[in-house]
Amino acid sequence: HTRYWRDWSSDVCSSDLIADWASGSTDHEGEHRAARVMRKLRRVAPREYDVLYRMLVSGESFEEITAWLNDRASQHGFSTSYTVSDTTALFVAGIGFAQAFF
């Protein structure tokens, strides 16, 4: 449904999900505000954005996201090893950023 997998914040369906989740609002103003927040989050905190996207939109578990983070780090030549606790911390940080921007 999106043009690019990381550009879901401009997708109507995805922004509806975030708007409903973040504010309980289904009005257009809330949808647009949520989309703006997620675009800003994507720019300032891309890992947190990716974790939020995978959890809230794709419905992936913390374990699946942790495996994805480790695969991505490995593909880019990093020896970083993420744990589920790291993924949880990224999720919580992403929520904090989103709340601050909202």
C-alpha atoms as a PDB file:
ATOM      1  CA  HIS A   1       0.000   0.000   0.000  1.00  0.00           C
ATOM      2  CA  THR A   2       2.960   2.346   0.249  1.00  0.00           C
ATOM      3  CA  ARG A   3       5.330   3.658  -2.359  1.00  0.00           C
ATOM      4  CA  TYR A   4       8.395   2.882  -0.242  1.00  0.00           C
ATOM      5  CA  TRP A   5       8.437   0.719   2.870  1.00  0.00           C
ATOM      6  CA  ARG A   6       9.873   3.499   5.059  1.00  0.00           C
ATOM      7  CA  ASP A   7       7.487   6.144   3.694  1.00  0.00           C
ATOM      8  CA  TRP A   8       4.353   4.843   5.337  1.00  0.00           C
ATOM      9  CA  SER A   9       3.693   8.090   7.212  1.00  0.00           C
ATOM     10  CA  SER A  10       2.177   9.595   4.077  1.00  0.00           C
ATOM     11  CA  ASP A  11      -0.024   6.564   3.477  1.00  0.00           C
ATOM     12  CA  VAL A  12      -3.630   7.163   4.483  1.00  0.00           C
ATOM     13  CA  CYS A  13      -4.158   3.695   5.978  1.00  0.00           C
ATOM     14  CA  SER A  14      -0.981   3.839   8.016  1.00  0.00           C
ATOM     15  CA  SER A  15      -1.541   7.367   9.246  1.00  0.00           C
ATOM     16  CA  ASP A  16      -5.033   6.284  10.313  1.00  0.00           C
ATOM     17  CA  LEU A  17      -3.470   3.537  12.426  1.00  0.00           C
ATOM     18  CA  ILE A  18      -1.003   5.913  14.056  1.00  0.00           C
ATOM     19  CA  ALA A  19      -3.617   8.619  14.575  1.00  0.00           C
ATOM     20  CA  ASP A  20      -5.980   6.174  16.236  1.00  0.00           C
ATOM     21  CA  TRP A  21      -3.223   4.741  18.380  1.00  0.00           C
ATOM     22  CA  ALA A  22      -1.571   8.024  19.363  1.00  0.00           C
ATOM     23  CA  SER A  23      -4.572  10.186  20.062  1.00  0.00           C
ATOM     24  CA  GLY A  24      -7.705   8.125  19.792  1.00  0.00           C
ATOM     25  CA  SER A  25      -8.718  10.574  17.066  1.00  0.00           C
ATOM     26  CA  THR A  26     -10.041   9.642  13.645  1.00  0.00           C
ATOM     27  CA  ASP A  27     -10.482  13.218  12.435  1.00  0.00           C
ATOM     28  CA  HIS A  28      -8.416  14.479   9.515  1.00  0.00           C
ATOM     29  CA  GLU A  29      -6.520  16.991  11.633  1.00  0.00           C
ATOM     30  CA  GLY A  30      -5.338  14.198  13.938  1.00  0.00           C
ATOM     31  CA  GLU A  31      -4.345  12.051  10.961  1.00  0.00           C
ATOM     32  CA  HIS A  32      -2.289  14.847   9.424  1.00  0.00           C
ATOM     33  CA  ARG A  33      -0.657  15.675  12.756  1.00  0.00           C
ATOM     34  CA  ALA A  34       0.258  11.996  13.292  1.00  0.00           C
ATOM     35  CA  ALA A  35       1.730  11.779   9.779  1.00  0.00           C
ATOM     36  CA  ARG A  36       3.820  14.913  10.412  1.00  0.00           C
ATOM     37  CA  VAL A  37       5.045  13.483  13.720  1.00  0.00           C
ATOM     38  CA  MET A  38       6.087  10.215  12.104  1.00  0.00           C
ATOM     39  CA  ARG A  39       7.881  12.009   9.239  1.00  0.00           C
ATOM     40  CA  LYS A  40       9.783  14.063  11.802  1.00  0.00           C
ATOM     41  CA  LEU A  41      10.567  10.955  13.851  1.00  0.00           C
ATOM     42  CA  ARG A  42      11.862   9.225  10.709  1.00  0.00           C
ATOM     43  CA  ARG A  43      14.304  12.117  10.171  1.00  0.00           C
ATOM     44  CA  VAL A  44      15.579  12.521  13.739  1.00  0.00           C
ATOM     45  CA  ALA A  45      15.409   8.937  15.021  1.00  0.00           C
ATOM     46  CA  PRO A  46      15.319   6.433  12.137  1.00  0.00           C
ATOM     47  CA  ARG A  47      15.931   3.274  14.200  1.00  0.00           C
ATOM     48  CA  GLU A  48      13.184   4.205  16.630  1.00  0.00           C
ATOM     49  CA  TYR A  49      10.923   4.972  13.684  1.00  0.00           C
ATOM     50  CA  ASP A  50      11.671   1.573  12.118  1.00  0.00           C
ATOM     51  CA  VAL A  51      10.917  -0.222  15.386  1.00  0.00           C
ATOM     52  CA  LEU A  52       7.617   1.652  15.818  1.00  0.00           C
ATOM     53  CA  TYR A  53       6.657   0.969  12.210  1.00  0.00           C
ATOM     54  CA  ARG A  54       7.414  -2.735  12.465  1.00  0.00           C
ATOM     55  CA  MET A  55       5.552  -3.064  15.762  1.00  0.00           C
ATOM     56  CA  LEU A  56       2.499  -0.877  15.166  1.00  0.00           C
ATOM     57  CA  VAL A  57       1.912  -1.246  11.441  1.00  0.00           C
ATOM     58  CA  SER A  58       3.439  -4.614  10.535  1.00  0.00           C
ATOM     59  CA  GLY A  59       2.492  -6.254  13.831  1.00  0.00           C
ATOM     60  CA  GLU A  60       5.903  -7.825  14.360  1.00  0.00           C
ATOM     61  CA  SER A  61       7.005  -9.034  17.784  1.00  0.00           C
ATOM     62  CA  PHE A  62       9.980  -7.653  19.693  1.00  0.00           C
ATOM     63  CA  GLU A  63      11.839 -10.873  18.887  1.00  0.00           C
ATOM     64  CA  GLU A  64      11.187 -10.510  15.149  1.00  0.00           C
ATOM     65  CA  ILE A  65      12.255  -6.872  15.197  1.00  0.00           C
ATOM     66  CA  THR A  66      15.409  -7.755  17.148  1.00  0.00           C
ATOM     67  CA  ALA A  67      16.309 -10.374  14.547  1.00  0.00           C
ATOM     68  CA  TRP A  68      15.704  -7.826  11.775  1.00  0.00           C
ATOM     69  CA  LEU A  69      17.888  -5.217  13.529  1.00  0.00           C
ATOM     70  CA  ASN A  70      20.705  -7.766  13.869  1.00  0.00           C
ATOM     71  CA  ASP A  71      20.368  -8.859  10.222  1.00  0.00           C
ATOM     72  CA  ARG A  72      20.428  -5.246   9.062  1.00  0.00           C
ATOM     73  CA  ALA A  73      23.475  -4.425  11.206  1.00  0.00           C
ATOM     74  CA  SER A  74      25.275  -7.497   9.875  1.00  0.00           C
ATOM     75  CA  GLN A  75      24.452  -6.623   6.254  1.00  0.00           C
ATOM     76  CA  HIS A  76      25.992  -3.183   6.784  1.00  0.00           C
ATOM     77  CA  GLY A  77      29.159  -4.607   8.331  1.00  0.00           C
ATOM     78  CA  PHE A  78      28.454  -3.689  11.946  1.00  0.00           C
ATOM     79  CA  SER A  79      29.222  -6.126  14.738  1.00  0.00           C
ATOM     80  CA  THR A  80      26.405  -4.747  16.892  1.00  0.00           C
ATOM     81  CA  SER A  81      24.254  -7.376  18.568  1.00  0.00           C
ATOM     82  CA  TYR A  82      20.822  -6.145  19.584  1.00  0.00           C
ATOM     83  CA  THR A  83      18.878  -7.818  22.375  1.00  0.00           C
ATOM     84  CA  VAL A  84      15.124  -7.758  22.992  1.00  0.00           C
ATOM     85  CA  SER A  85      15.861  -5.240  25.760  1.00  0.00           C
ATOM     86  CA  ASP A  86      17.559  -2.979  23.183  1.00  0.00           C
ATOM     87  CA  THR A  87      14.560  -3.272  20.889  1.00  0.00           C
ATOM     88  CA  THR A  88      12.220  -2.467  23.763  1.00  0.00           C
ATOM     89  CA  ALA A  89      14.308   0.589  24.635  1.00  0.00           C
ATOM     90  CA  LEU A  90      14.153   1.773  20.997  1.00  0.00           C
ATOM     91  CA  PHE A  91      10.362   1.301  21.034  1.00  0.00           C
ATOM     92  CA  VAL A  92       9.969   3.263  24.283  1.00  0.00           C
ATOM     93  CA  ALA A  93      12.278   6.014  22.989  1.00  0.00           C
ATOM     94  CA  GLY A  94      10.258   6.194  19.763  1.00  0.00           C
ATOM     95  CA  ILE A  95       7.037   6.574  21.741  1.00  0.00           C
ATOM     96  CA  GLY A  96       8.680   9.306  23.809  1.00  0.00           C
ATOM     97  CA  PHE A  97       9.824  11.170  20.693  1.00  0.00           C
ATOM     98  CA  ALA A  98       6.393  10.833  19.109  1.00  0.00           C
ATOM     99  CA  GLN A  99       4.680  12.163  22.230  1.00  0.00           C
ATOM    100  CA  ALA A 100       7.097  15.098  22.408  1.00  0.00           C
ATOM    101  CA  PHE A 101       6.450  16.003  18.746  1.00  0.00           C
ATOM    102  CA  PHE A 102       2.687  15.443  18.913  1.00  0.00           C
END
